[in-house]
Full PDB file with SEQRES, HELIX, SHEET, SSBOND, CRYST1, ORIGX, SCALE, CONECT and MASTER records, all heavy atoms in Angstrom:
SEQRES   1 A   42  GLY GLN ASN ASN CYS SER GLY MET CYS ARG ASP THR GLN          
SEQRES   2 A   42  ALA ASP ARG ALA HIS CYS GLY MET CYS GLY ASN ALA CYS          
SEQRES   3 A   42  ALA ALA GLY GLN THR CYS THR ALA GLY ARG CYS GLU VAL          
SEQRES   4 A   42  VAL CYS GLY                                                  
HELIX    1 AA1 ARG A   16  HIS A   18  5                                   3    
SHEET    1 AA1 2 ASN A   3  CYS A   5  0                                        
SHEET    2 AA1 2 MET A   8  ARG A  10 -1                                        
SHEET    1 AA2 2 GLN A  30  THR A  33  0                                        
SHEET    2 AA2 2 ARG A  36  VAL A  39 -1                                        
SSBOND   1 CYS A    5    CYS A   22                          1555   1555  2.06  
SSBOND   2 CYS A   19    CYS A   32                          1555   1555  2.22  
SSBOND   3 CYS A   26    CYS A   37                          1555   1555  2.18  
CRYST1    1.000    1.000    1.000  90.00  90.00  90.00 P 1           1          
ORIGX1      1.000000  0.000000  0.000000        0.00000                         
ORIGX2      0.000000  1.000000  0.000000        0.00000                         
ORIGX3      0.000000  0.000000  1.000000        0.00000                         
SCALE1      1.000000  0.000000  0.000000        0.00000                         
SCALE2      0.000000  1.000000  0.000000        0.00000                         
SCALE3      0.000000  0.000000  1.000000        0.00000                         
ATOM      1  N   GLY A   1      -8.284  10.049   5.545  1.00  0.00           N  
ATOM      2  CA  GLY A   1      -7.959   9.106   4.470  1.00  0.00           C  
ATOM      3  C   GLY A   1      -6.525   8.623   4.527  1.00  0.00           C  
ATOM      4  O   GLY A   1      -6.119   7.806   3.710  1.00  0.00           O  
ATOM      5  N   GLN A   2      -5.722   9.129   5.496  1.00  0.00           N  
ATOM      6  CA  GLN A   2      -4.336   8.707   5.629  1.00  0.00           C  
ATOM      7  C   GLN A   2      -4.087   8.197   7.046  1.00  0.00           C  
ATOM      8  O   GLN A   2      -4.814   8.529   7.979  1.00  0.00           O  
ATOM      9  CB  GLN A   2      -3.386   9.857   5.308  1.00  0.00           C  
ATOM     10  CG  GLN A   2      -3.476  10.301   3.870  1.00  0.00           C  
ATOM     11  CD  GLN A   2      -2.414  11.325   3.526  1.00  0.00           C  
ATOM     12  OE1 GLN A   2      -1.510  11.601   4.298  1.00  0.00           O  
ATOM     13  NE2 GLN A   2      -2.533  11.894   2.348  1.00  0.00           N  
ATOM     14  N   ASN A   3      -3.047   7.364   7.187  1.00  0.00           N  
ATOM     15  CA  ASN A   3      -2.684   6.786   8.481  1.00  0.00           C  
ATOM     16  C   ASN A   3      -1.257   7.169   8.837  1.00  0.00           C  
ATOM     17  O   ASN A   3      -0.407   7.328   7.957  1.00  0.00           O  
ATOM     18  CB  ASN A   3      -2.791   5.260   8.442  1.00  0.00           C  
ATOM     19  CG  ASN A   3      -4.203   4.792   8.247  1.00  0.00           C  
ATOM     20  OD1 ASN A   3      -5.109   5.229   8.933  1.00  0.00           O  
ATOM     21  ND2 ASN A   3      -4.407   3.904   7.284  1.00  0.00           N  
ATOM     22  N   ASN A   4      -0.981   7.269  10.141  1.00  0.00           N  
ATOM     23  CA  ASN A   4       0.358   7.548  10.640  1.00  0.00           C  
ATOM     24  C   ASN A   4       1.139   6.234  10.652  1.00  0.00           C  
ATOM     25  O   ASN A   4       0.907   5.367  11.475  1.00  0.00           O  
ATOM     26  CB  ASN A   4       0.272   8.139  12.052  1.00  0.00           C  
ATOM     27  CG  ASN A   4       1.623   8.479  12.635  1.00  0.00           C  
ATOM     28  OD1 ASN A   4       2.649   7.991  12.198  1.00  0.00           O  
ATOM     29  ND2 ASN A   4       1.621   9.298  13.658  1.00  0.00           N  
ATOM     30  N   CYS A   5       2.069   6.096   9.706  1.00  0.00           N  
ATOM     31  CA  CYS A   5       2.921   4.909   9.626  1.00  0.00           C  
ATOM     32  C   CYS A   5       4.341   5.330   9.990  1.00  0.00           C  
ATOM     33  O   CYS A   5       5.047   5.927   9.170  1.00  0.00           O  
ATOM     34  CB  CYS A   5       2.886   4.313   8.209  1.00  0.00           C  
ATOM     35  SG  CYS A   5       1.272   3.676   7.714  1.00  0.00           S  
ATOM     36  N   SER A   6       4.715   5.087  11.224  1.00  0.00           N  
ATOM     37  CA  SER A   6       6.041   5.435  11.740  1.00  0.00           C  
ATOM     38  C   SER A   6       6.373   6.906  11.527  1.00  0.00           C  
ATOM     39  O   SER A   6       7.477   7.269  11.131  1.00  0.00           O  
ATOM     40  CB  SER A   6       7.120   4.555  11.105  1.00  0.00           C  
ATOM     41  OG  SER A   6       6.866   3.202  11.386  1.00  0.00           O  
ATOM     42  N   GLY A   7       5.400   7.770  11.767  1.00  0.00           N  
ATOM     43  CA  GLY A   7       5.630   9.204  11.693  1.00  0.00           C  
ATOM     44  C   GLY A   7       5.424   9.836  10.335  1.00  0.00           C  
ATOM     45  O   GLY A   7       5.638  11.024  10.164  1.00  0.00           O  
ATOM     46  N   MET A   8       5.006   9.065   9.354  1.00  0.00           N  
ATOM     47  CA  MET A   8       4.726   9.600   8.017  1.00  0.00           C  
ATOM     48  C   MET A   8       3.272   9.280   7.674  1.00  0.00           C  
ATOM     49  O   MET A   8       2.811   8.162   7.907  1.00  0.00           O  
ATOM     50  CB  MET A   8       5.635   8.968   6.963  1.00  0.00           C  
ATOM     51  CG  MET A   8       7.099   9.296   7.124  1.00  0.00           C  
ATOM     52  SD  MET A   8       7.511  11.012   6.793  1.00  0.00           S  
ATOM     53  CE  MET A   8       7.287  11.096   5.042  1.00  0.00           C  
ATOM     54  N   CYS A   9       2.559  10.252   7.127  1.00  0.00           N  
ATOM     55  CA  CYS A   9       1.171  10.032   6.716  1.00  0.00           C  
ATOM     56  C   CYS A   9       1.166   9.268   5.393  1.00  0.00           C  
ATOM     57  O   CYS A   9       1.828   9.669   4.435  1.00  0.00           O  
ATOM     58  CB  CYS A   9       0.450  11.369   6.563  1.00  0.00           C  
ATOM     59  SG  CYS A   9       0.233  12.216   8.138  1.00  0.00           S  
ATOM     60  N   ARG A  10       0.456   8.154   5.376  1.00  0.00           N  
ATOM     61  CA  ARG A  10       0.399   7.300   4.190  1.00  0.00           C  
ATOM     62  C   ARG A  10      -1.047   6.959   3.844  1.00  0.00           C  
ATOM     63  O   ARG A  10      -1.864   6.717   4.718  1.00  0.00           O  
ATOM     64  CB  ARG A  10       1.154   5.994   4.433  1.00  0.00           C  
ATOM     65  CG  ARG A  10       2.590   6.150   4.812  1.00  0.00           C  
ATOM     66  CD  ARG A  10       3.391   6.644   3.660  1.00  0.00           C  
ATOM     67  NE  ARG A  10       4.801   6.690   4.031  1.00  0.00           N  
ATOM     68  CZ  ARG A  10       5.736   7.156   3.257  1.00  0.00           C  
ATOM     69  NH1 ARG A  10       5.437   7.633   2.068  1.00  0.00           N  
ATOM     70  NH2 ARG A  10       6.973   7.183   3.652  1.00  0.00           N  
ATOM     71  N   ASP A  11      -1.335   6.907   2.549  1.00  0.00           N  
ATOM     72  CA  ASP A  11      -2.637   6.471   2.052  1.00  0.00           C  
ATOM     73  C   ASP A  11      -2.566   4.959   1.915  1.00  0.00           C  
ATOM     74  O   ASP A  11      -2.064   4.437   0.920  1.00  0.00           O  
ATOM     75  CB  ASP A  11      -2.937   7.137   0.715  1.00  0.00           C  
ATOM     76  CG  ASP A  11      -4.263   6.699   0.110  1.00  0.00           C  
ATOM     77  OD1 ASP A  11      -4.943   5.829   0.692  1.00  0.00           O  
ATOM     78  OD2 ASP A  11      -4.614   7.233  -0.949  1.00  0.00           O  
ATOM     79  N   THR A  12      -3.051   4.232   2.901  1.00  0.00           N  
ATOM     80  CA  THR A  12      -2.951   2.765   2.889  1.00  0.00           C  
ATOM     81  C   THR A  12      -3.864   2.114   1.857  1.00  0.00           C  
ATOM     82  O   THR A  12      -3.841   0.900   1.689  1.00  0.00           O  
ATOM     83  CB  THR A  12      -3.252   2.181   4.297  1.00  0.00           C  
ATOM     84  OG1 THR A  12      -4.532   2.617   4.721  1.00  0.00           O  
ATOM     85  CG2 THR A  12      -2.191   2.606   5.309  1.00  0.00           C  
ATOM     86  N   GLN A  13      -4.634   2.911   1.146  1.00  0.00           N  
ATOM     87  CA  GLN A  13      -5.455   2.385   0.056  1.00  0.00           C  
ATOM     88  C   GLN A  13      -4.681   2.352  -1.262  1.00  0.00           C  
ATOM     89  O   GLN A  13      -5.076   1.653  -2.190  1.00  0.00           O  
ATOM     90  CB  GLN A  13      -6.717   3.234  -0.120  1.00  0.00           C  
ATOM     91  CG  GLN A  13      -7.648   3.180   1.078  1.00  0.00           C  
ATOM     92  CD  GLN A  13      -8.139   1.763   1.345  1.00  0.00           C  
ATOM     93  OE1 GLN A  13      -8.822   1.168   0.534  1.00  0.00           O  
ATOM     94  NE2 GLN A  13      -7.760   1.222   2.490  1.00  0.00           N  
ATOM     95  N   ALA A  14      -3.539   3.088  -1.335  1.00  0.00           N  
ATOM     96  CA  ALA A  14      -2.797   3.171  -2.596  1.00  0.00           C  
ATOM     97  C   ALA A  14      -1.281   3.073  -2.445  1.00  0.00           C  
ATOM     98  O   ALA A  14      -0.579   2.958  -3.437  1.00  0.00           O  
ATOM     99  CB  ALA A  14      -3.147   4.487  -3.298  1.00  0.00           C  
ATOM    100  N   ASP A  15      -0.742   3.102  -1.235  1.00  0.00           N  
ATOM    101  CA  ASP A  15       0.714   3.107  -1.006  1.00  0.00           C  
ATOM    102  C   ASP A  15       1.256   1.676  -1.034  1.00  0.00           C  
ATOM    103  O   ASP A  15       0.894   0.855  -0.192  1.00  0.00           O  
ATOM    104  CB  ASP A  15       1.000   3.764   0.345  1.00  0.00           C  
ATOM    105  CG  ASP A  15       2.475   4.020   0.585  1.00  0.00           C  
ATOM    106  OD1 ASP A  15       3.312   3.184   0.195  1.00  0.00           O  
ATOM    107  OD2 ASP A  15       2.780   5.064   1.183  1.00  0.00           O  
ATOM    108  N   ARG A  16       2.137   1.366  -1.998  1.00  0.00           N  
ATOM    109  CA  ARG A  16       2.686   0.009  -2.136  1.00  0.00           C  
ATOM    110  C   ARG A  16       3.447  -0.447  -0.900  1.00  0.00           C  
ATOM    111  O   ARG A  16       3.506  -1.627  -0.601  1.00  0.00           O  
ATOM    112  CB  ARG A  16       3.619  -0.071  -3.353  1.00  0.00           C  
ATOM    113  CG  ARG A  16       2.889  -0.038  -4.675  1.00  0.00           C  
ATOM    114  CD  ARG A  16       3.812  -0.336  -5.849  1.00  0.00           C  
ATOM    115  NE  ARG A  16       4.277  -1.714  -5.770  1.00  0.00           N  
ATOM    116  CZ  ARG A  16       5.553  -2.060  -5.634  1.00  0.00           C  
ATOM    117  NH1 ARG A  16       6.503  -1.169  -5.579  1.00  0.00           N  
ATOM    118  NH2 ARG A  16       5.892  -3.334  -5.572  1.00  0.00           N  
ATOM    119  N   ALA A  17       4.071   0.481  -0.157  1.00  0.00           N  
ATOM    120  CA  ALA A  17       4.854   0.113   1.022  1.00  0.00           C  
ATOM    121  C   ALA A  17       3.974  -0.075   2.271  1.00  0.00           C  
ATOM    122  O   ALA A  17       4.416  -0.663   3.252  1.00  0.00           O  
ATOM    123  CB  ALA A  17       5.909   1.171   1.294  1.00  0.00           C  
ATOM    124  N   HIS A  18       2.754   0.408   2.209  1.00  0.00           N  
ATOM    125  CA  HIS A  18       1.828   0.344   3.347  1.00  0.00           C  
ATOM    126  C   HIS A  18       0.425   0.062   2.826  1.00  0.00           C  
ATOM    127  O   HIS A  18      -0.488   0.855   2.975  1.00  0.00           O  
ATOM    128  CB  HIS A  18       1.856   1.659   4.139  1.00  0.00           C  
ATOM    129  CG  HIS A  18       3.222   2.037   4.599  1.00  0.00           C  
ATOM    130  ND1 HIS A  18       3.803   1.486   5.711  1.00  0.00           N  
ATOM    131  CD2 HIS A  18       4.133   2.896   4.073  1.00  0.00           C  
ATOM    132  CE1 HIS A  18       5.012   1.996   5.869  1.00  0.00           C  
ATOM    133  NE2 HIS A  18       5.234   2.837   4.888  1.00  0.00           N  
ATOM    134  N   CYS A  19       0.242  -1.084   2.191  1.00  0.00           N  
ATOM    135  CA  CYS A  19      -1.004  -1.411   1.511  1.00  0.00           C  
ATOM    136  C   CYS A  19      -1.994  -2.091   2.458  1.00  0.00           C  
ATOM    137  O   CYS A  19      -1.746  -3.195   2.938  1.00  0.00           O  
ATOM    138  CB  CYS A  19      -0.728  -2.309   0.305  1.00  0.00           C  
ATOM    139  SG  CYS A  19      -2.168  -2.558  -0.747  1.00  0.00           S  
ATOM    140  N   GLY A  20      -3.088  -1.405   2.742  1.00  0.00           N  
ATOM    141  CA  GLY A  20      -4.107  -1.939   3.627  1.00  0.00           C  
ATOM    142  C   GLY A  20      -3.840  -1.644   5.088  1.00  0.00           C  
ATOM    143  O   GLY A  20      -4.749  -1.461   5.871  1.00  0.00           O  
ATOM    144  N   MET A  21      -2.552  -1.598   5.463  1.00  0.00           N  
ATOM    145  CA  MET A  21      -2.143  -1.243   6.823  1.00  0.00           C  
ATOM    146  C   MET A  21      -0.657  -0.891   6.809  1.00  0.00           C  
ATOM    147  O   MET A  21       0.068  -1.242   5.872  1.00  0.00           O  
ATOM    148  CB  MET A  21      -2.416  -2.393   7.794  1.00  0.00           C  
ATOM    149  CG  MET A  21      -1.632  -3.632   7.527  1.00  0.00           C  
ATOM    150  SD  MET A  21      -2.100  -4.909   8.690  1.00  0.00           S  
ATOM    151  CE  MET A  21      -1.069  -6.247   8.145  1.00  0.00           C  
ATOM    152  N   CYS A  22      -0.220  -0.215   7.823  1.00  0.00           N  
ATOM    153  CA  CYS A  22       1.181   0.195   7.918  1.00  0.00           C  
ATOM    154  C   CYS A  22       2.110  -1.014   7.885  1.00  0.00           C  
ATOM    155  O   CYS A  22       1.853  -2.025   8.533  1.00  0.00           O  
ATOM    156  CB  CYS A  22       1.414   0.983   9.212  1.00  0.00           C  
ATOM    157  SG  CYS A  22       0.532   2.553   9.269  1.00  0.00           S  
ATOM    158  N   GLY A  23       3.178  -0.915   7.074  1.00  0.00           N  
ATOM    159  CA  GLY A  23       4.194  -1.951   7.013  1.00  0.00           C  
ATOM    160  C   GLY A  23       3.877  -3.122   6.099  1.00  0.00           C  
ATOM    161  O   GLY A  23       4.709  -3.999   5.911  1.00  0.00           O  
ATOM    162  N   ASN A  24       2.698  -3.164   5.498  1.00  0.00           N  
ATOM    163  CA  ASN A  24       2.323  -4.253   4.601  1.00  0.00           C  
ATOM    164  C   ASN A  24       2.719  -3.878   3.175  1.00  0.00           C  
ATOM    165  O   ASN A  24       1.965  -3.204   2.477  1.00  0.00           O  
ATOM    166  CB  ASN A  24       0.817  -4.535   4.691  1.00  0.00           C  
ATOM    167  CG  ASN A  24       0.427  -5.746   3.872  1.00  0.00           C  
ATOM    168  OD1 ASN A  24       1.078  -6.765   3.925  1.00  0.00           O  
ATOM    169  ND2 ASN A  24      -0.649  -5.611   3.112  1.00  0.00           N  
ATOM    170  N   ALA A  25       3.913  -4.302   2.760  1.00  0.00           N  
ATOM    171  CA  ALA A  25       4.432  -3.946   1.444  1.00  0.00           C  
ATOM    172  C   ALA A  25       3.990  -4.938   0.374  1.00  0.00           C  
ATOM    173  O   ALA A  25       3.973  -6.153   0.615  1.00  0.00           O  
ATOM    174  CB  ALA A  25       5.955  -3.896   1.479  1.00  0.00           C  
ATOM    175  N   CYS A  26       3.645  -4.411  -0.794  1.00  0.00           N  
ATOM    176  CA  CYS A  26       3.306  -5.266  -1.936  1.00  0.00           C  
ATOM    177  C   CYS A  26       4.597  -5.814  -2.536  1.00  0.00           C  
ATOM    178  O   CYS A  26       5.635  -5.151  -2.538  1.00  0.00           O  
ATOM    179  CB  CYS A  26       2.552  -4.458  -2.998  1.00  0.00           C  
ATOM    180  SG  CYS A  26       0.936  -3.860  -2.478  1.00  0.00           S  
ATOM    181  N   ALA A  27       4.526  -7.004  -3.075  1.00  0.00           N  
ATOM    182  CA  ALA A  27       5.672  -7.633  -3.725  1.00  0.00           C  
ATOM    183  C   ALA A  27       5.972  -6.953  -5.066  1.00  0.00           C  
ATOM    184  O   ALA A  27       5.135  -6.226  -5.602  1.00  0.00           O  
ATOM    185  CB  ALA A  27       5.373  -9.120  -3.950  1.00  0.00           C  
ATOM    186  N   ALA A  28       7.153  -7.206  -5.585  1.00  0.00           N  
ATOM    187  CA  ALA A  28       7.537  -6.674  -6.898  1.00  0.00           C  
ATOM    188  C   ALA A  28       6.503  -7.108  -7.926  1.00  0.00           C  
ATOM    189  O   ALA A  28       6.014  -8.239  -7.898  1.00  0.00           O  
ATOM    190  CB  ALA A  28       8.918  -7.181  -7.287  1.00  0.00           C  
ATOM    191  N   GLY A  29       6.130  -6.200  -8.808  1.00  0.00           N  
ATOM    192  CA  GLY A  29       5.148  -6.503  -9.839  1.00  0.00           C  
ATOM    193  C   GLY A  29       3.718  -6.337  -9.382  1.00  0.00           C  
ATOM    194  O   GLY A  29       2.787  -6.606 -10.136  1.00  0.00           O  
ATOM    195  N   GLN A  30       3.520  -5.920  -8.132  1.00  0.00           N  
ATOM    196  CA  GLN A  30       2.176  -5.688  -7.621  1.00  0.00           C  
ATOM    197  C   GLN A  30       1.952  -4.197  -7.384  1.00  0.00           C  
ATOM    198  O   GLN A  30       2.893  -3.440  -7.208  1.00  0.00           O  
ATOM    199  CB  GLN A  30       1.950  -6.434  -6.299  1.00  0.00           C  
ATOM    200  CG  GLN A  30       1.907  -7.925  -6.431  1.00  0.00           C  
ATOM    201  CD  GLN A  30       1.586  -8.591  -5.102  1.00  0.00           C  
ATOM    202  OE1 GLN A  30       1.956  -8.106  -4.044  1.00  0.00           O  
ATOM    203  NE2 GLN A  30       0.908  -9.728  -5.167  1.00  0.00           N  
ATOM    204  N   THR A  31       0.692  -3.816  -7.366  1.00  0.00           N  
ATOM    205  CA  THR A  31       0.305  -2.454  -7.060  1.00  0.00           C  
ATOM    206  C   THR A  31      -0.703  -2.509  -5.916  1.00  0.00           C  
ATOM    207  O   THR A  31      -1.276  -3.558  -5.639  1.00  0.00           O  
ATOM    208  CB  THR A  31      -0.297  -1.760  -8.301  1.00  0.00           C  
ATOM    209  OG1 THR A  31      -0.520  -0.394  -8.009  1.00  0.00           O  
ATOM    210  CG2 THR A  31      -1.575  -2.405  -8.747  1.00  0.00           C  
ATOM    211  N   CYS A  32      -0.896  -1.384  -5.237  1.00  0.00           N  
ATOM    212  CA  CYS A  32      -1.862  -1.332  -4.148  1.00  0.00           C  
ATOM    213  C   CYS A  32      -3.118  -0.636  -4.653  1.00  0.00           C  
ATOM    214  O   CYS A  32      -3.087   0.543  -5.018  1.00  0.00           O  
ATOM    215  CB  CYS A  32      -1.275  -0.571  -2.957  1.00  0.00           C  
ATOM    216  SG  CYS A  32      -2.388  -0.495  -1.533  1.00  0.00           S  
ATOM    217  N   THR A  33      -4.207  -1.358  -4.685  1.00  0.00           N  
ATOM    218  CA  THR A  33      -5.483  -0.828  -5.143  1.00  0.00           C  
ATOM    219  C   THR A  33      -6.548  -1.109  -4.086  1.00  0.00           C  
ATOM    220  O   THR A  33      -6.751  -2.255  -3.709  1.00  0.00           O  
ATOM    221  CB  THR A  33      -5.887  -1.485  -6.484  1.00  0.00           C  
ATOM    222  OG1 THR A  33      -4.842  -1.288  -7.442  1.00  0.00           O  
ATOM    223  CG2 THR A  33      -7.180  -0.902  -7.018  1.00  0.00           C  
ATOM    224  N   ALA A  34      -7.178  -0.064  -3.596  1.00  0.00           N  
ATOM    225  CA  ALA A  34      -8.219  -0.181  -2.565  1.00  0.00           C  
ATOM    226  C   ALA A  34      -7.733  -0.978  -1.362  1.00  0.00           C  
ATOM    227  O   ALA A  34      -8.456  -1.791  -0.787  1.00  0.00           O  
ATOM    228  CB  ALA A  34      -9.488  -0.783  -3.153  1.00  0.00           C  
ATOM    229  N   GLY A  35      -6.447  -0.778  -1.000  1.00  0.00           N  
ATOM    230  CA  GLY A  35      -5.895  -1.437   0.185  1.00  0.00           C  
ATOM    231  C   GLY A  35      -5.518  -2.896   0.002  1.00  0.00           C  
ATOM    232  O   GLY A  35      -5.254  -3.590   0.972  1.00  0.00           O  
ATOM    233  N   ARG A  36      -5.439  -3.356  -1.253  1.00  0.00           N  
ATOM    234  CA  ARG A  36      -5.074  -4.737  -1.530  1.00  0.00           C  
ATOM    235  C   ARG A  36      -3.969  -4.786  -2.558  1.00  0.00           C  
ATOM    236  O   ARG A  36      -3.988  -4.051  -3.543  1.00  0.00           O  
ATOM    237  CB  ARG A  36      -6.288  -5.511  -2.054  1.00  0.00           C  
ATOM    238  CG  ARG A  36      -7.400  -5.592  -1.023  1.00  0.00           C  
ATOM    239  CD  ARG A  36      -8.561  -6.381  -1.519  1.00  0.00           C  
ATOM    240  NE  ARG A  36      -8.106  -7.768  -1.720  1.00  0.00           N  
ATOM    241  CZ  ARG A  36      -8.768  -8.649  -2.436  1.00  0.00           C  
ATOM    242  NH1 ARG A  36      -9.873  -8.317  -3.053  1.00  0.00           N  
ATOM    243  NH2 ARG A  36      -8.313  -9.866  -2.564  1.00  0.00           N  
ATOM    244  N   CYS A  37      -2.986  -5.670  -2.345  1.00  0.00           N  
ATOM    245  CA  CYS A  37      -1.915  -5.868  -3.322  1.00  0.00           C  
ATOM    246  C   CYS A  37      -2.457  -6.715  -4.463  1.00  0.00           C  
ATOM    247  O   CYS A  37      -3.079  -7.756  -4.236  1.00  0.00           O  
ATOM    248  CB  CYS A  37      -0.727  -6.565  -2.673  1.00  0.00           C  
ATOM    249  SG  CYS A  37       0.098  -5.565  -1.410  1.00  0.00           S  
ATOM    250  N   GLU A  38      -2.237  -6.233  -5.685  1.00  0.00           N  
ATOM    251  CA  GLU A  38      -2.716  -6.934  -6.867  1.00  0.00           C  
ATOM    252  C   GLU A  38      -1.616  -7.002  -7.905  1.00  0.00           C  
ATOM    253  O   GLU A  38      -0.781  -6.107  -8.014  1.00  0.00           O  
ATOM    254  CB  GLU A  38      -3.921  -6.219  -7.460  1.00  0.00           C  
ATOM    255  CG  GLU A  38      -5.113  -6.156  -6.522  1.00  0.00           C  
ATOM    256  CD  GLU A  38      -6.302  -5.423  -7.113  1.00  0.00           C  
ATOM    257  OE1 GLU A  38      -6.149  -4.749  -8.148  1.00  0.00           O  
ATOM    258  OE2 GLU A  38      -7.392  -5.528  -6.528  1.00  0.00           O  
ATOM    259  N   VAL A  39      -1.634  -8.072  -8.691  1.00  0.00           N  
ATOM    260  CA  VAL A  39      -0.681  -8.246  -9.776  1.00  0.00           C  
ATOM    261  C   VAL A  39      -0.974  -7.249 -10.878  1.00  0.00           C  
ATOM    262  O   VAL A  39      -2.137  -7.051 -11.236  1.00  0.00           O  
ATOM    263  CB  VAL A  39      -0.724  -9.700 -10.332  1.00  0.00           C  
ATOM    264  CG1 VAL A  39       0.174  -9.845 -11.539  1.00  0.00           C  
ATOM    265  CG2 VAL A  39      -0.345 -10.686  -9.232  1.00  0.00           C  
ATOM    266  N   VAL A  40       0.082  -6.641 -11.405  1.00  0.00           N  
ATOM    267  CA  VAL A  40      -0.063  -5.694 -12.517  1.00  0.00           C  
ATOM    268  C   VAL A  40       0.204  -6.475 -13.806  1.00  0.00           C  
ATOM    269  O   VAL A  40       1.269  -7.039 -13.988  1.00  0.00           O  
ATOM    270  CB  VAL A  40       0.950  -4.541 -12.394  1.00  0.00           C  
ATOM    271  CG1 VAL A  40       0.833  -3.604 -13.571  1.00  0.00           C  
ATOM    272  CG2 VAL A  40       0.737  -3.797 -11.087  1.00  0.00           C  
ATOM    273  N   CYS A  41      -0.792  -6.507 -14.684  1.00  0.00           N  
ATOM    274  CA  CYS A  41      -0.641  -7.203 -15.956  1.00  0.00           C  
ATOM    275  C   CYS A  41      -0.257  -6.210 -17.048  1.00  0.00           C  
ATOM    276  O   CYS A  41      -0.748  -5.090 -17.059  1.00  0.00           O  
ATOM    277  CB  CYS A  41      -1.936  -7.908 -16.345  1.00  0.00           C  
ATOM    278  SG  CYS A  41      -2.414  -9.190 -15.184  1.00  0.00           S  
ATOM    279  N   GLY A  42       0.606  -6.626 -17.941  1.00  0.00           N  
ATOM    280  CA  GLY A  42       1.022  -5.768 -19.052  1.00  0.00           C  
ATOM    281  C   GLY A  42      -0.065  -5.680 -20.108  1.00  0.00           C  
ATOM    282  O   GLY A  42      -0.977  -6.498 -20.177  1.00  0.00           O  
TER     283      GLY A  42                                                      
CONECT   35  157                                                                
CONECT  139  216                                                                
CONECT  157   35                                                                
CONECT  180  249                                                                
CONECT  216  139                                                                
CONECT  249  180                                                                
MASTER        0    0    0    1    4    0    0    6  282    1    6    4          
END                                                                             
């Protein structure tokens, strides 16, 4: 369930810095859900 992203194990389904794949960072105000960056609504 985790991937090797530059030597660190990351959950690409939930990690904002590695969303969906290594190095794919979500923008400010977004969260990583099921490997996709999504806008977080208040």
